[in-house]
Protein backbone atom coordinates (compact mmCIF):
# COMPACT_ATOMS: atom_id res chain seq x y z
CA MET A 1 -1.80 26.51 20.75
CA GLU A 2 1.68 25.11 20.47
CA SER A 3 2.45 22.79 17.58
CA LYS A 4 4.58 19.75 18.15
CA SER A 5 7.29 18.74 15.77
CA VAL A 6 7.04 15.29 14.32
CA THR A 7 10.31 13.59 13.59
CA GLN A 8 10.89 11.96 10.24
CA ASN A 9 10.96 8.55 11.92
CA GLN A 10 7.58 9.21 13.55
CA PHE A 11 6.19 10.32 10.22
CA PHE A 12 7.28 7.17 8.41
CA SER A 13 6.23 5.06 11.38
CA TYR A 14 2.70 6.42 10.94
CA PHE A 15 2.54 5.17 7.34
CA MET A 16 4.04 1.80 8.27
CA SER A 17 1.48 1.41 11.05
CA THR A 18 -1.33 2.41 8.72
CA SER A 19 -0.25 -0.08 6.05
CA ASP A 20 0.03 -2.82 8.64
CA MET A 21 -3.34 -1.89 10.17
CA TYR A 22 -5.16 -2.21 6.84
CA LEU A 23 -3.36 -5.46 6.07
CA ASN A 24 -4.18 -6.97 9.48
CA LEU A 25 -7.76 -5.73 9.40
CA SER A 26 -8.28 -7.38 6.02
CA LYS A 27 -7.54 -10.74 7.65
CA SER A 28 -10.51 -10.35 10.00
CA ILE A 29 -13.04 -9.45 7.30
CA ASP A 30 -15.19 -12.06 5.58
CA THR A 31 -16.62 -10.01 2.71
CA VAL A 32 -14.47 -10.03 -0.42
CA PRO A 33 -15.16 -6.42 -1.55
CA THR A 34 -14.27 -4.97 1.85
CA LYS A 35 -11.18 -7.13 2.09
CA CYS A 36 -10.13 -5.95 -1.38
CA GLU A 37 -10.49 -2.31 -0.38
CA LEU A 38 -8.47 -2.80 2.81
CA LEU A 39 -5.68 -4.47 0.82
CA TYR A 40 -5.82 -1.60 -1.68
CA GLU A 41 -5.49 0.91 1.16
CA SER A 42 -2.51 -1.01 2.57
CA ILE A 43 -0.63 -0.69 -0.72
CA SER A 44 -1.73 2.91 -1.11
CA SER A 45 -0.36 3.88 2.28
CA SER A 46 2.96 2.20 1.54
CA ILE A 47 3.21 4.02 -1.77
CA LYS A 48 2.53 7.34 -0.02
CA MET A 49 5.28 6.53 2.45
CA LEU A 50 7.73 5.86 -0.39
CA GLN A 51 6.67 9.08 -2.13
CA TYR A 52 7.50 11.08 0.99
CA TYR A 53 10.73 9.20 1.57
CA PHE A 54 11.98 9.99 -1.93
CA HIS A 55 10.46 13.50 -1.95
CA ILE A 56 8.21 12.79 -4.93
CA ASP A 57 5.35 15.24 -5.20
CA LYS A 58 3.67 14.09 -8.40
CA PRO A 59 0.31 12.51 -9.27
CA ARG A 60 0.05 8.89 -8.17
CA GLU A 61 0.69 7.20 -11.54
CA GLU A 62 3.73 9.35 -12.24
CA SER A 63 5.00 8.78 -8.71
CA VAL A 64 4.69 5.02 -9.15
CA ARG A 65 6.67 5.23 -12.40
CA LEU A 66 9.41 7.23 -10.67
CA LEU A 67 9.46 4.88 -7.68
CA SER A 68 9.73 1.91 -10.05
CA ASP A 69 12.69 3.58 -11.76
CA ILE A 70 14.35 3.99 -8.37
CA LEU A 71 13.40 0.71 -6.68
CA GLY A 72 12.40 -1.71 -9.41
CA ASP A 73 9.32 -3.14 -11.09
CA TRP A 74 7.93 -4.46 -7.80
CA VAL A 75 6.43 -1.02 -7.08
CA GLN A 76 4.53 -0.90 -10.39
CA GLU A 77 3.41 -4.51 -9.91
CA ALA A 78 2.00 -3.68 -6.48
CA TYR A 79 0.24 -0.60 -7.85
CA ASP A 80 -1.33 -2.71 -10.60
CA ILE A 81 -2.55 -5.16 -7.95
CA ALA A 82 -3.95 -2.27 -5.89
CA LEU A 83 -5.93 -1.01 -8.87
CA LYS A 84 -7.23 -4.51 -9.59
CA LEU A 85 -8.29 -4.91 -5.96
CA HIS A 86 -10.02 -1.54 -5.96
CA TYR A 87 -11.77 -1.69 -9.33
CA ASP A 88 -12.37 -5.41 -9.84
CA GLY A 89 -12.67 -6.43 -6.21
CA TYR A 90 -14.33 -3.50 -4.48
CA ILE A 91 -16.23 -1.58 -7.17
CA SER A 92 -17.18 -4.33 -9.64
CA GLU A 93 -17.13 -7.17 -7.06
CA THR A 94 -15.74 -9.66 -9.59
CA LEU A 95 -12.88 -11.09 -7.51
CA THR A 96 -13.33 -14.25 -5.46
CA GLU A 97 -11.90 -15.45 -2.18
CA GLU A 98 -9.55 -17.69 -4.19
CA ASP A 99 -8.25 -14.65 -6.07
CA LEU A 100 -7.57 -12.94 -2.78
CA ASN A 101 -5.41 -15.79 -1.52
CA VAL A 102 -2.86 -14.85 -4.20
CA TYR A 103 -3.19 -11.09 -3.77
CA GLU A 104 -2.97 -11.10 0.02
CA GLU A 105 0.51 -12.60 -0.05
CA LYS A 106 1.65 -10.11 -2.69
CA VAL A 107 0.32 -7.18 -0.66
CA LYS A 108 2.03 -8.51 2.46
CA ASN A 109 5.33 -8.78 0.57
CA PHE A 110 4.99 -5.28 -0.88
CA VAL A 111 4.31 -3.73 2.52
CA ARG A 112 7.29 -5.59 3.98
CA ASP A 113 9.58 -4.52 1.12
CA ALA A 114 8.43 -0.88 1.30
CA GLU A 115 9.10 -0.82 5.04
CA GLU A 116 12.54 -2.33 4.41
CA VAL A 117 13.36 0.57 2.07
CA ILE A 118 12.62 3.02 4.88
CA THR A 119 14.20 1.14 7.77
CA GLY A 120 17.17 -0.27 5.89
């Protein structure tokens, strides 16, 4: 079987598409815990993309610290939101729809900003 080479642009495009897919899917979901987890996954995919872009092969928390040193506090802030969405929203189910109105916009902005880093 012949393997096909994936270009760097295709590779980053995959992560951008994945982040966008989770973000868009979250808009069509009515249950708060599921919506929280989709938003978490959107941030997570964007962080992975930035890790690959900057060649950072460290555990997630250390990678986020390094990315924040490179790009600014907005990366750490997004990671903190992702953890809140995952633990408080999905696992503990303590977030409300009103809480999500604030977080959705922040996730959208993070995904946009992460993609801007890659695409220039």
